[in-house]
N, C-alpha and C. Protein backbone atom coordinates (compact mmCIF):
# COMPACT_ATOMS: atom_id res chain seq x y z
N MET A 1 16.69 22.54 3.38
CA MET A 1 17.30 23.23 2.50
C MET A 1 17.58 24.89 2.58
N LEU A 2 16.20 25.87 3.08
CA LEU A 2 16.90 26.87 3.34
C LEU A 2 18.10 26.83 4.92
N PRO A 3 17.68 26.41 5.91
CA PRO A 3 18.17 26.37 7.13
C PRO A 3 19.79 26.44 6.39
N LYS A 4 20.25 25.31 5.61
CA LYS A 4 21.56 25.02 5.08
C LYS A 4 22.32 26.52 4.68
N LEU A 5 21.17 26.81 3.94
CA LEU A 5 21.84 27.63 3.16
C LEU A 5 22.17 28.87 3.72
N LEU A 6 21.28 29.14 4.60
CA LEU A 6 22.17 30.30 5.53
C LEU A 6 22.89 30.04 6.35
N CYS A 7 23.13 28.32 6.43
CA CYS A 7 25.02 28.12 7.44
C CYS A 7 25.36 28.19 6.74
N ALA A 8 25.69 27.95 5.05
CA ALA A 8 26.61 28.71 4.04
C ALA A 8 26.75 30.05 3.66
N LEU A 9 25.83 31.11 3.79
CA LEU A 9 25.76 32.53 3.85
C LEU A 9 26.82 33.12 5.05
N ILE A 10 25.98 32.21 6.34
CA ILE A 10 27.00 32.86 7.93
C ILE A 10 28.22 32.45 7.46
N GLY A 11 28.80 31.39 7.05
CA GLY A 11 30.20 30.48 6.95
C GLY A 11 31.25 31.38 5.57
N TYR A 12 30.00 31.98 4.95
CA TYR A 12 30.76 32.53 3.89
C TYR A 12 31.10 33.94 4.22
N ALA A 13 30.52 34.47 5.49
CA ALA A 13 31.04 36.14 5.31
C ALA A 13 31.97 35.66 6.51
N LEU A 14 31.89 34.55 7.49
CA LEU A 14 32.88 34.42 8.42
C LEU A 14 34.20 34.39 7.87
N GLY A 15 34.74 33.49 6.46
CA GLY A 15 35.34 33.37 5.48
C GLY A 15 35.84 34.68 5.04
N ASN A 16 34.92 35.28 4.43
CA ASN A 16 35.75 36.58 4.01
C ASN A 16 36.57 37.68 5.33
N PHE A 17 36.34 37.63 6.57
CA PHE A 17 37.51 37.93 7.61
C PHE A 17 38.75 37.16 7.25
N LEU A 18 39.91 37.60 6.48
CA LEU A 18 41.16 37.06 6.54
C LEU A 18 41.37 37.48 7.19
N THR A 19 42.58 35.92 8.49
CA THR A 19 43.02 36.53 9.18
C THR A 19 44.33 37.80 8.91
N ALA A 20 44.98 36.35 8.02
CA ALA A 20 46.74 37.00 7.44
C ALA A 20 46.53 38.59 6.97
N ASP A 21 45.41 38.93 6.43
CA ASP A 21 45.45 40.65 6.26
C ASP A 21 45.57 41.52 7.48
N LEU A 22 44.69 40.81 8.12
CA LEU A 22 44.75 41.53 9.42
C LEU A 22 46.29 41.95 10.71
N VAL A 23 46.68 40.73 10.46
CA VAL A 23 48.18 40.09 10.59
C VAL A 23 48.83 41.46 10.43
N CYS A 24 49.03 41.07 9.11
CA CYS A 24 49.94 42.04 7.78
C CYS A 24 49.95 42.93 8.16
N ARG A 25 48.83 43.52 8.39
CA ARG A 25 48.51 45.32 8.47
C ARG A 25 48.75 45.46 10.11
N PHE A 26 48.76 45.05 10.04
CA PHE A 26 49.00 44.70 12.12
C PHE A 26 50.35 45.02 12.38
N ALA A 27 51.27 44.00 11.81
CA ALA A 27 53.15 43.94 11.87
C ALA A 27 53.67 44.20 10.92
N VAL A 28 53.32 44.74 9.67
CA VAL A 28 54.21 45.36 9.56
C VAL A 28 53.66 46.42 8.28
N GLY A 29 51.81 47.29 7.85
CA GLY A 29 50.98 47.90 7.52
C GLY A 29 50.96 47.97 6.15
N LYS A 30 51.16 46.74 5.80
CA LYS A 30 51.25 46.17 4.71
C LYS A 30 49.10 45.15 4.29
N SER A 31 48.92 45.32 3.29
CA SER A 31 47.61 44.33 3.60
C SER A 31 48.92 42.97 2.81
N VAL A 32 48.46 41.83 2.72
CA VAL A 32 48.79 40.28 2.56
C VAL A 32 49.25 40.04 1.61
N PHE A 33 48.15 40.84 0.56
CA PHE A 33 47.91 40.79 -0.83
C PHE A 33 49.58 41.60 -1.26
N ASP A 34 50.41 42.16 -1.12
CA ASP A 34 51.25 42.82 -1.07
C ASP A 34 52.28 42.73 -0.22
N VAL A 35 52.82 40.77 0.79
CA VAL A 35 53.26 40.78 1.03
C VAL A 35 53.97 38.94 0.72
N GLY A 36 55.01 39.51 0.13
CA GLY A 36 55.74 37.62 -0.05
C GLY A 36 54.86 37.24 -1.50
N VAL A 37 54.44 36.79 -1.50
CA VAL A 37 53.71 35.82 -2.93
C VAL A 37 52.19 36.42 -2.94
N GLY A 38 51.79 36.71 -1.49
CA GLY A 38 50.61 37.54 -1.99
C GLY A 38 49.40 36.79 -1.24
N ASN A 39 49.85 35.25 -0.73
CA ASN A 39 48.37 34.57 -0.40
C ASN A 39 48.15 35.03 0.82
N PRO A 40 46.67 34.99 0.98
CA PRO A 40 46.68 35.55 2.81
C PRO A 40 46.50 33.96 3.34
N GLY A 41 47.50 33.30 3.13
CA GLY A 41 47.62 32.51 4.57
C GLY A 41 48.94 32.09 5.15
N MET A 42 48.76 30.70 5.99
CA MET A 42 50.31 30.79 7.11
C MET A 42 51.03 30.60 6.76
N ALA A 43 51.50 30.01 5.32
CA ALA A 43 52.61 29.27 5.07
C ALA A 43 53.41 31.11 4.61
N ASN A 44 52.41 31.95 3.92
CA ASN A 44 52.87 32.83 2.90
C ASN A 44 53.67 34.30 4.09
N VAL A 45 52.50 34.24 5.08
CA VAL A 45 52.85 34.92 6.37
C VAL A 45 54.71 34.62 6.60
N GLY A 46 54.27 32.85 7.41
CA GLY A 46 55.65 32.84 7.98
C GLY A 46 56.22 32.62 7.75
N HIS A 47 56.50 32.85 6.27
CA HIS A 47 57.62 32.97 5.50
C HIS A 47 58.55 33.99 4.98
N GLU A 48 57.19 35.28 5.09
CA GLU A 48 57.66 36.53 5.35
C GLU A 48 58.10 37.37 6.66
N LEU A 49 57.21 36.59 7.65
CA LEU A 49 57.14 37.53 9.10
C LEU A 49 57.42 36.60 9.78
N GLY A 50 57.34 35.36 9.83
CA GLY A 50 58.54 34.94 11.22
C GLY A 50 57.09 33.73 11.92
N THR A 51 57.47 33.28 13.18
CA THR A 51 56.35 32.17 13.36
C THR A 51 55.18 32.67 14.47
N GLY A 52 55.26 33.57 14.60
CA GLY A 52 54.65 34.54 15.62
C GLY A 52 53.47 34.79 14.84
N PRO A 53 53.98 35.33 14.02
CA PRO A 53 52.34 36.04 12.47
C PRO A 53 51.35 34.56 12.16
N ALA A 54 52.54 33.24 11.87
CA ALA A 54 52.00 32.17 11.14
C ALA A 54 50.79 31.89 12.11
N ILE A 55 51.90 31.76 13.18
CA ILE A 55 50.22 31.07 14.65
C ILE A 55 49.00 32.16 14.78
N ALA A 56 49.59 33.00 14.38
CA ALA A 56 47.93 34.12 14.85
C ALA A 56 46.77 33.75 13.79
N VAL A 57 48.01 33.18 12.37
CA VAL A 57 47.26 33.44 11.50
C VAL A 57 46.12 32.14 11.10
N LEU A 58 47.21 31.38 11.59
CA LEU A 58 46.44 29.82 11.79
C LEU A 58 45.36 29.37 12.90
N ALA A 59 45.87 30.18 13.67
CA ALA A 59 44.30 30.89 15.51
C ALA A 59 42.99 30.76 14.50
N GLY A 60 43.55 32.42 14.01
CA GLY A 60 42.35 33.25 13.15
C GLY A 60 41.53 31.93 12.14
N ASP A 61 41.83 31.71 11.20
CA ASP A 61 41.39 31.03 10.41
C ASP A 61 40.55 29.51 10.50
N ILE A 62 41.23 29.03 12.14
CA ILE A 62 40.78 28.04 13.24
C ILE A 62 39.46 28.31 13.30
N LEU A 63 39.73 29.64 13.87
CA LEU A 63 38.50 29.68 14.82
C LEU A 63 37.44 30.49 14.04
N LYS A 64 37.50 31.26 12.79
CA LYS A 64 36.25 31.51 11.70
C LYS A 64 35.53 30.21 11.76
N THR A 65 36.41 29.48 11.21
CA THR A 65 35.51 27.72 10.63
C THR A 65 34.34 27.58 11.70
N VAL A 66 35.81 27.45 13.05
CA VAL A 66 34.87 26.77 14.15
C VAL A 66 33.69 27.51 14.64
N LEU A 67 33.61 29.11 14.55
CA LEU A 67 32.74 30.01 14.59
C LEU A 67 31.25 29.06 13.56
N ALA A 68 31.76 29.04 12.40
CA ALA A 68 30.37 28.82 11.57
C ALA A 68 30.04 27.23 11.79
N TRP A 69 30.58 26.11 12.23
CA TRP A 69 30.30 24.57 12.90
C TRP A 69 28.95 25.22 13.83
N ALA A 70 29.84 26.04 14.77
CA ALA A 70 29.10 26.72 16.25
C ALA A 70 27.81 26.94 15.64
N ALA A 71 27.05 27.50 15.00
CA ALA A 71 26.33 28.70 14.21
C ALA A 71 25.60 27.40 13.40
N ALA A 72 25.90 26.89 12.41
CA ALA A 72 24.65 25.58 11.92
C ALA A 72 24.71 25.14 13.11
N GLN A 73 25.14 24.38 14.13
CA GLN A 73 24.61 23.42 15.47
C GLN A 73 23.41 24.12 15.86
N LEU A 74 23.56 25.09 15.63
CA LEU A 74 22.22 26.19 16.58
C LEU A 74 21.22 26.46 15.11
N ILE A 75 21.29 27.12 14.44
CA ILE A 75 20.40 27.03 13.13
C ILE A 75 19.73 25.76 12.84
N CYS A 76 20.50 24.60 12.75
CA CYS A 76 20.09 23.28 12.40
C CYS A 76 20.39 21.58 13.29
N PRO A 77 19.54 22.13 14.79
CA PRO A 77 20.08 20.93 15.73
C PRO A 77 20.01 19.80 15.46
N GLY A 78 19.07 19.27 14.66
CA GLY A 78 18.55 17.95 14.25
C GLY A 78 19.69 17.66 13.10
N ASP A 79 20.25 18.10 12.56
CA ASP A 79 21.11 17.72 11.42
C ASP A 79 22.30 18.52 10.90
N GLY A 80 23.09 18.56 12.88
CA GLY A 80 24.68 18.90 12.61
C GLY A 80 25.16 19.45 12.05
N LEU A 81 25.77 17.75 11.14
CA LEU A 81 26.75 16.84 10.32
C LEU A 81 26.73 17.49 9.35
N SER A 82 25.14 17.53 8.68
CA SER A 82 25.15 18.57 6.93
C SER A 82 25.45 19.71 7.31
N ALA A 83 24.62 20.64 8.06
CA ALA A 83 24.78 21.87 8.22
C ALA A 83 26.18 22.54 8.69
N GLY A 84 26.86 21.76 8.94
CA GLY A 84 27.93 22.10 9.99
C GLY A 84 28.95 21.81 8.73
N LEU A 85 29.29 21.25 8.02
CA LEU A 85 29.89 20.64 6.36
C LEU A 85 29.17 22.18 5.57
N ALA A 86 28.09 22.32 5.39
CA ALA A 86 27.17 23.76 4.83
C ALA A 86 28.18 24.77 5.12
N ALA A 87 28.26 24.66 6.44
CA ALA A 87 28.94 26.06 7.04
C ALA A 87 30.09 26.31 7.02
N THR A 88 30.98 25.54 7.07
CA THR A 88 32.29 25.29 6.98
C THR A 88 32.85 25.15 5.28
N LEU A 89 31.99 24.41 4.40
CA LEU A 89 32.39 24.76 3.38
C LEU A 89 32.33 26.00 2.19
N GLY A 90 31.69 26.99 3.06
CA GLY A 90 30.61 28.71 3.10
C GLY A 90 32.32 29.20 3.33
N THR A 91 32.86 28.93 4.79
CA THR A 91 33.26 29.89 5.26
C THR A 91 35.03 29.22 4.26
N THR A 92 35.19 28.43 3.88
CA THR A 92 35.95 27.87 2.72
C THR A 92 35.90 28.54 1.45
N LEU A 93 34.73 29.16 0.88
CA LEU A 93 34.40 29.71 -0.55
C LEU A 93 34.99 30.93 -0.36
N GLY A 94 34.51 31.71 1.17
CA GLY A 94 34.86 32.90 1.67
C GLY A 94 35.93 33.10 1.63
N HIS A 95 37.19 32.37 2.06
CA HIS A 95 38.02 32.70 2.58
C HIS A 95 38.84 32.88 0.72
N ASN A 96 38.55 31.69 0.19
CA ASN A 96 39.10 31.64 -1.21
C ASN A 96 38.80 32.80 -2.06
N PHE A 97 37.56 33.23 -1.57
CA PHE A 97 36.43 34.18 -2.90
C PHE A 97 36.41 35.57 -2.35
N PRO A 98 36.65 35.64 -1.27
CA PRO A 98 36.41 37.34 -0.90
C PRO A 98 35.43 38.02 -1.36
N ALA A 99 34.50 38.50 -1.31
CA ALA A 99 33.28 39.06 -1.93
C ALA A 99 34.47 41.08 -1.77
N TRP A 100 35.06 41.35 -0.55
CA TRP A 100 35.46 42.40 -1.04
C TRP A 100 36.86 42.35 -1.66
N HIS A 101 37.73 41.19 -2.21
CA HIS A 101 39.00 41.05 -2.03
C HIS A 101 38.47 40.79 -4.18
N ARG A 102 37.54 41.58 -4.32
CA ARG A 102 37.29 40.39 -6.22
C ARG A 102 37.36 39.51 -6.46
N PHE A 103 36.90 38.43 -5.06
CA PHE A 103 36.85 36.94 -4.97
C PHE A 103 38.10 36.26 -5.26
N LYS A 104 39.45 36.93 -5.13
CA LYS A 104 40.27 36.99 -5.14
C LYS A 104 41.22 36.63 -3.79
N GLY A 105 41.52 35.24 -2.93
CA GLY A 105 41.90 35.28 -1.89
C GLY A 105 42.88 33.74 -1.72
N GLY A 106 42.55 32.90 -0.13
CA GLY A 106 43.41 32.34 -0.10
C GLY A 106 43.18 30.54 -0.85
N LYS A 107 43.93 29.60 -0.20
CA LYS A 107 43.63 28.24 -1.03
C LYS A 107 42.80 27.36 0.52
N GLY A 108 42.62 28.11 1.14
CA GLY A 108 41.77 27.17 2.19
C GLY A 108 42.01 26.04 2.94
N VAL A 109 43.76 25.80 3.26
CA VAL A 109 43.63 24.75 3.65
C VAL A 109 43.73 24.73 4.95
N THR A 110 43.39 25.55 5.81
CA THR A 110 43.84 25.90 7.64
C THR A 110 41.68 25.14 7.60
N THR A 111 41.22 26.19 6.51
CA THR A 111 39.45 25.66 7.05
C THR A 111 38.89 25.08 6.33
N THR A 112 39.69 24.37 5.50
CA THR A 112 39.08 23.08 4.86
C THR A 112 39.48 21.65 6.22
N CYS A 113 40.89 21.90 6.31
CA CYS A 113 41.03 20.14 7.84
C CYS A 113 40.41 20.75 9.09
N SER A 114 40.14 21.81 9.42
CA SER A 114 39.45 22.25 10.57
C SER A 114 37.73 21.80 10.35
N ALA A 115 37.62 22.10 8.63
CA ALA A 115 36.05 21.22 8.18
C ALA A 115 35.64 19.99 9.16
N ILE A 116 36.90 19.44 8.22
CA ILE A 116 36.68 17.53 8.37
C ILE A 116 36.50 17.38 9.76
N ILE A 117 38.30 17.81 10.25
CA ILE A 117 38.08 17.02 12.06
C ILE A 117 37.11 17.72 12.66
N LEU A 118 36.49 18.87 12.49
CA LEU A 118 34.90 19.42 13.32
C LEU A 118 33.75 18.22 12.69
N ALA A 119 33.82 17.91 11.64
CA ALA A 119 32.85 16.80 11.07
C ALA A 119 33.57 15.57 11.44
N SER A 120 34.53 14.82 11.46
CA SER A 120 35.13 13.26 12.20
C SER A 120 36.30 13.10 12.30
N PRO A 121 36.95 13.83 13.56
CA PRO A 121 37.71 13.79 14.09
C PRO A 121 38.59 12.74 13.41
N VAL A 122 39.03 11.68 14.02
CA VAL A 122 39.00 10.12 13.31
C VAL A 122 39.31 10.32 11.94
N ALA A 123 38.32 10.53 10.94
CA ALA A 123 38.63 10.43 9.83
C ALA A 123 38.99 11.52 9.06
N GLY A 124 39.11 13.24 9.99
CA GLY A 124 39.99 13.76 9.90
C GLY A 124 40.96 13.93 9.81
N VAL A 125 41.88 13.72 10.61
CA VAL A 125 42.98 13.61 11.42
C VAL A 125 43.99 12.68 10.57
N CYS A 126 42.68 11.17 10.20
CA CYS A 126 43.70 10.54 9.17
C CYS A 126 44.05 10.98 7.81
N ALA A 127 42.42 12.09 7.32
CA ALA A 127 42.97 12.26 5.99
C ALA A 127 44.12 13.52 6.48
N CYS A 128 44.50 14.35 7.04
CA CYS A 128 45.76 15.19 7.43
C CYS A 128 47.32 14.35 7.12
N LEU A 129 46.82 13.38 8.28
CA LEU A 129 47.87 12.58 7.95
C LEU A 129 48.63 11.89 6.66
N VAL A 130 47.31 11.54 5.85
CA VAL A 130 47.26 10.93 4.28
C VAL A 130 47.67 12.22 3.13
N GLY A 131 47.76 13.46 4.00
CA GLY A 131 48.20 14.24 3.18
C GLY A 131 49.92 14.63 3.10
N LEU A 132 49.95 14.97 4.48
CA LEU A 132 51.50 14.88 5.41
C LEU A 132 52.64 14.49 4.82
N ALA A 133 51.59 12.83 4.50
CA ALA A 133 52.63 12.18 3.69
C ALA A 133 52.80 11.78 2.80
N THR A 134 52.33 12.74 1.64
CA THR A 134 51.62 12.85 0.55
C THR A 134 52.63 13.87 0.01
N VAL A 135 52.81 14.75 1.21
CA VAL A 135 54.11 16.27 0.98
C VAL A 135 55.47 15.33 0.86
N ILE A 136 55.71 14.56 2.15
CA ILE A 136 57.03 14.04 2.08
C ILE A 136 57.34 13.22 1.25
N PHE A 137 56.25 12.78 0.84
CA PHE A 137 56.76 11.89 -0.71
C PHE A 137 56.74 11.95 -2.16
N SER A 138 55.63 13.28 -2.32
CA SER A 138 55.75 13.92 -3.63
C SER A 138 57.33 15.39 -3.55
N GLY A 139 57.04 15.53 -2.64
CA GLY A 139 57.39 17.15 -2.25
C GLY A 139 56.63 18.11 -2.18
N TYR A 140 55.67 18.23 -2.87
CA TYR A 140 54.83 18.99 -2.96
C TYR A 140 53.70 19.23 -2.25
N LEU A 141 53.18 20.41 -1.46
CA LEU A 141 52.40 20.55 -0.63
C LEU A 141 50.97 20.52 -1.25
N CYS A 142 51.26 21.24 -2.58
CA CYS A 142 49.50 20.83 -3.33
C CYS A 142 48.83 19.78 -3.35
N PHE A 143 49.57 19.08 -3.75
CA PHE A 143 49.95 17.29 -3.47
C PHE A 143 48.79 16.84 -2.56
N GLY A 144 49.61 17.76 -1.33
CA GLY A 144 48.84 17.12 -0.32
C GLY A 144 47.74 17.48 0.36
N ALA A 145 47.69 18.60 -0.02
CA ALA A 145 46.43 19.76 0.12
C ALA A 145 45.29 18.96 -0.57
N VAL A 146 45.54 18.62 -1.71
CA VAL A 146 44.43 17.89 -2.36
C VAL A 146 44.27 15.85 -2.02
N ALA A 147 45.20 15.63 -1.34
CA ALA A 147 45.18 14.52 -1.00
C ALA A 147 44.32 14.19 0.26
N ILE A 148 43.93 15.25 0.49
CA ILE A 148 43.48 15.46 2.30
C ILE A 148 42.03 15.23 2.07
N THR A 149 41.64 15.71 0.87
CA THR A 149 40.32 16.32 0.37
C THR A 149 39.67 14.49 -0.13
N LEU A 150 40.57 14.13 -0.94
CA LEU A 150 40.48 13.37 -1.17
C LEU A 150 40.57 12.09 -0.38
N ALA A 151 41.10 12.07 0.86
CA ALA A 151 41.03 10.83 1.56
C ALA A 151 40.05 11.02 2.40
N PHE A 152 39.74 12.11 3.09
CA PHE A 152 38.24 12.56 3.71
C PHE A 152 36.87 12.14 2.83
N ALA A 153 36.99 12.16 1.56
CA ALA A 153 35.73 11.70 1.37
C ALA A 153 35.79 10.41 0.87
N LEU A 154 36.84 9.80 0.80
CA LEU A 154 36.89 8.61 0.22
C LEU A 154 36.87 7.67 1.59
N LEU A 155 37.20 8.59 3.45
CA LEU A 155 36.81 7.75 4.48
C LEU A 155 35.41 7.49 4.75
N MET A 156 34.51 8.85 4.28
CA MET A 156 33.46 9.33 4.80
C MET A 156 32.79 7.91 3.84
N LEU A 157 32.65 7.73 2.43
CA LEU A 157 31.92 6.88 1.62
C LEU A 157 32.15 5.45 1.96
N LEU A 158 33.61 5.20 2.30
CA LEU A 158 33.62 3.54 3.24
C LEU A 158 33.05 3.25 4.74
N GLY A 159 32.84 4.63 5.27
CA GLY A 159 31.90 4.75 6.60
C GLY A 159 30.51 4.94 6.20
N GLY A 160 29.92 4.42 5.41
CA GLY A 160 28.63 4.15 5.84
C GLY A 160 27.64 5.95 5.37
N ALA A 161 29.02 6.70 5.68
CA ALA A 161 28.10 8.19 5.42
C ALA A 161 26.92 8.96 4.38
N GLY A 162 26.15 9.59 4.37
CA GLY A 162 25.22 10.12 3.79
C GLY A 162 25.58 10.49 2.80
N ALA A 163 24.93 10.78 1.71
CA ALA A 163 25.01 11.20 0.01
C ALA A 163 25.62 12.85 0.30
N ASP A 164 24.65 12.76 1.30
CA ASP A 164 24.64 15.01 1.33
C ASP A 164 26.22 15.31 2.39
N VAL A 165 26.64 13.99 3.18
CA VAL A 165 28.02 14.52 3.67
C VAL A 165 29.19 13.66 2.38
N VAL A 166 29.00 13.24 1.72
CA VAL A 166 29.94 12.76 0.33
C VAL A 166 29.57 13.74 -0.15
N CYS A 167 29.05 14.16 -0.78
CA CYS A 167 28.49 15.38 -1.66
C CYS A 167 29.48 16.60 -1.54
N TYR A 168 29.70 17.14 -0.07
CA TYR A 168 30.30 17.80 0.68
C TYR A 168 31.65 17.54 0.61
N ALA A 169 31.88 16.35 1.24
CA ALA A 169 33.91 16.00 0.84
C ALA A 169 34.26 16.57 -0.70
N LEU A 170 33.16 15.68 -1.57
CA LEU A 170 33.78 15.87 -2.91
C LEU A 170 33.61 17.16 -2.98
N ALA A 171 32.98 17.68 -2.62
CA ALA A 171 32.97 19.74 -2.69
C ALA A 171 34.30 20.31 -2.45
N PHE A 172 34.28 20.28 -1.22
CA PHE A 172 35.64 20.71 -0.60
C PHE A 172 37.16 19.83 -1.31
N ALA A 173 37.15 18.59 -2.14
CA ALA A 173 38.23 18.40 -2.82
C ALA A 173 38.30 18.84 -4.17
N LEU A 174 37.43 19.78 -5.02
CA LEU A 174 36.92 20.52 -5.86
C LEU A 174 37.54 21.45 -5.74
N LEU A 175 37.14 22.63 -4.61
CA LEU A 175 37.65 23.46 -4.38
C LEU A 175 39.10 23.39 -4.48
N MET A 176 39.60 22.63 -3.20
CA MET A 176 40.57 21.95 -3.37
C MET A 176 41.72 22.32 -4.65
N ALA A 177 41.24 21.60 -5.32
CA ALA A 177 41.70 21.20 -6.75
C ALA A 177 41.94 22.47 -7.12
N GLN A 178 41.01 23.11 -7.78
CA GLN A 178 41.05 24.45 -8.02
C GLN A 178 42.06 25.39 -7.52
N ALA A 179 42.20 24.98 -5.86
CA ALA A 179 42.80 26.98 -5.56
C ALA A 179 44.71 26.44 -5.90
N HIS A 180 44.94 24.75 -6.16
CA HIS A 180 45.95 23.99 -5.93
C HIS A 180 45.90 24.09 -7.65
N GLY A 181 45.64 24.67 -8.56
CA GLY A 181 45.51 23.96 -9.91
C GLY A 181 46.85 23.93 -10.19
N SER A 182 47.21 25.40 -10.39
CA SER A 182 48.50 25.99 -11.21
C SER A 182 49.74 26.06 -10.51
N ALA A 183 49.68 25.46 -9.18
CA ALA A 183 50.77 24.75 -8.19
C ALA A 183 50.93 22.86 -8.67
N MET A 184 50.14 22.58 -9.18
CA MET A 184 50.36 21.13 -9.36
C MET A 184 50.90 21.33 -11.35
N ARG A 185 50.04 22.01 -11.43
CA ARG A 185 51.10 22.01 -12.90
C ARG A 185 52.54 22.10 -12.41
N ALA A 186 52.73 23.26 -12.07
CA ALA A 186 54.49 23.53 -12.12
C ALA A 186 55.04 21.90 -11.68
N ALA A 187 54.35 21.78 -10.47
CA ALA A 187 54.67 20.62 -10.12
C ALA A 187 55.85 19.38 -11.19
N LEU A 188 54.47 19.66 -11.75
CA LEU A 188 54.50 18.31 -13.00
C LEU A 188 55.80 18.87 -14.07
N GLU A 189 55.91 19.93 -14.23
CA GLU A 189 57.11 20.41 -15.06
C GLU A 189 57.97 20.74 -14.41
N GLY A 190 58.00 20.79 -13.20
CA GLY A 190 59.99 20.75 -12.36
C GLY A 190 59.43 21.98 -12.45
N THR A 191 58.71 23.48 -12.25
CA THR A 191 59.40 24.46 -11.62
C THR A 191 58.80 25.56 -10.35
N GLN A 192 57.84 24.27 -9.90
CA GLN A 192 57.32 24.56 -8.82
C GLN A 192 58.16 24.15 -7.61
N ARG A 193 58.42 24.95 -6.74
CA ARG A 193 59.49 24.44 -5.02
C ARG A 193 59.00 23.89 -4.58
N ARG A 194 59.53 22.47 -4.05
CA ARG A 194 59.39 21.35 -3.29
C ARG A 194 59.26 22.21 -1.77
N ALA A 195 58.69 21.55 -1.47
CA ALA A 195 57.94 21.76 0.88
C ALA A 195 59.33 21.59 1.35
N SER A 196 59.76 22.52 2.25
CA SER A 196 60.59 22.30 2.91
C SER A 196 60.73 21.55 3.84
N ILE A 197 59.60 21.17 4.27
CA ILE A 197 59.45 19.16 5.07
C ILE A 197 59.86 18.17 4.25
N SER A 198 59.56 18.16 3.20
CA SER A 198 60.01 16.97 2.51
C SER A 198 61.85 17.28 2.26
N VAL A 199 62.26 18.28 2.03
CA VAL A 199 63.85 18.50 1.71
C VAL A 199 63.91 17.74 3.09
N LYS A 200 64.00 18.04 3.46
CA LYS A 200 64.86 18.21 4.83
C LYS A 200 64.29 16.90 5.52
N PHE A 201 63.14 16.05 5.57
CA PHE A 201 63.01 14.83 6.04
C PHE A 201 64.03 13.68 4.91
N TRP A 202 64.44 13.65 3.57
CA TRP A 202 65.00 13.28 3.03
C TRP A 202 65.91 13.93 3.28
N GLU A 203 66.68 14.59 3.16
CA GLU A 203 68.15 15.06 3.94
C GLU A 203 68.66 14.37 5.24
N LYS A 204 67.46 13.73 6.29
CA LYS A 204 67.97 13.47 7.04
C LYS A 204 67.62 12.21 7.13
N VAL A 205 67.29 11.65 6.09
CA VAL A 205 67.44 9.96 5.43
C VAL A 205 68.50 9.77 4.91
N ARG A 206 68.92 10.50 3.88
CA ARG A 206 70.19 10.01 3.35
C ARG A 206 71.22 10.19 4.10
N GLY A 207 70.85 11.29 5.06
CA GLY A 207 72.93 11.57 6.19
C GLY A 207 71.97 10.04 7.29
N LYS A 208 71.27 9.65 7.23
CA LYS A 208 71.34 8.62 8.08
C LYS A 208 71.69 7.11 7.11
N ARG A 209 71.62 7.68 5.91
CA ARG A 209 72.08 5.99 5.46
C ARG A 209 73.38 5.99 5.25
N ARG A 210 74.62 7.06 5.02
CA ARG A 210 75.84 7.48 5.26
C ARG A 210 76.31 7.10 6.57
């Protein structure tokens, strides 16, 4: 128990490093919380600063998740999967609730997707594809983000994963639902902006039908 707690704490410390904030301070001299909608994630940075900064944010968020996973493998070599999930769950918690910013951070989509792919490449990629399909057909990123974690938890359960792994998967799902709760409510009320990838997809479909 103590080694996994250590893994989670290391992950949390790494998660507190918000790549988006560093990129924004370097690019425009502002905190990411003062740019666009104030979310320290790839989508906000990409919308406000362009593709290059967005890629830098994506790479940094993936890297901190990989580092947390690698640390867990060194600490718990005999239980790498469970320890890795503990560490990357900690990374997502640190990203979403950074101690240095009054526990107000991002939504943890990149850290979560990185974590589940590290845990099970096949199931992780399949879950991400389910999320992408959900975004396209529902029109909203928030539903897709939650679908990723639910699909991963279901795949782990059906694949016979241990109870601890399934619990970690459900914890990721709860975190994702919490992070996107307001967006999902807005989507149901019709006040949430639709995802551009969905809009463009259906425009092309309608164009081909004419």
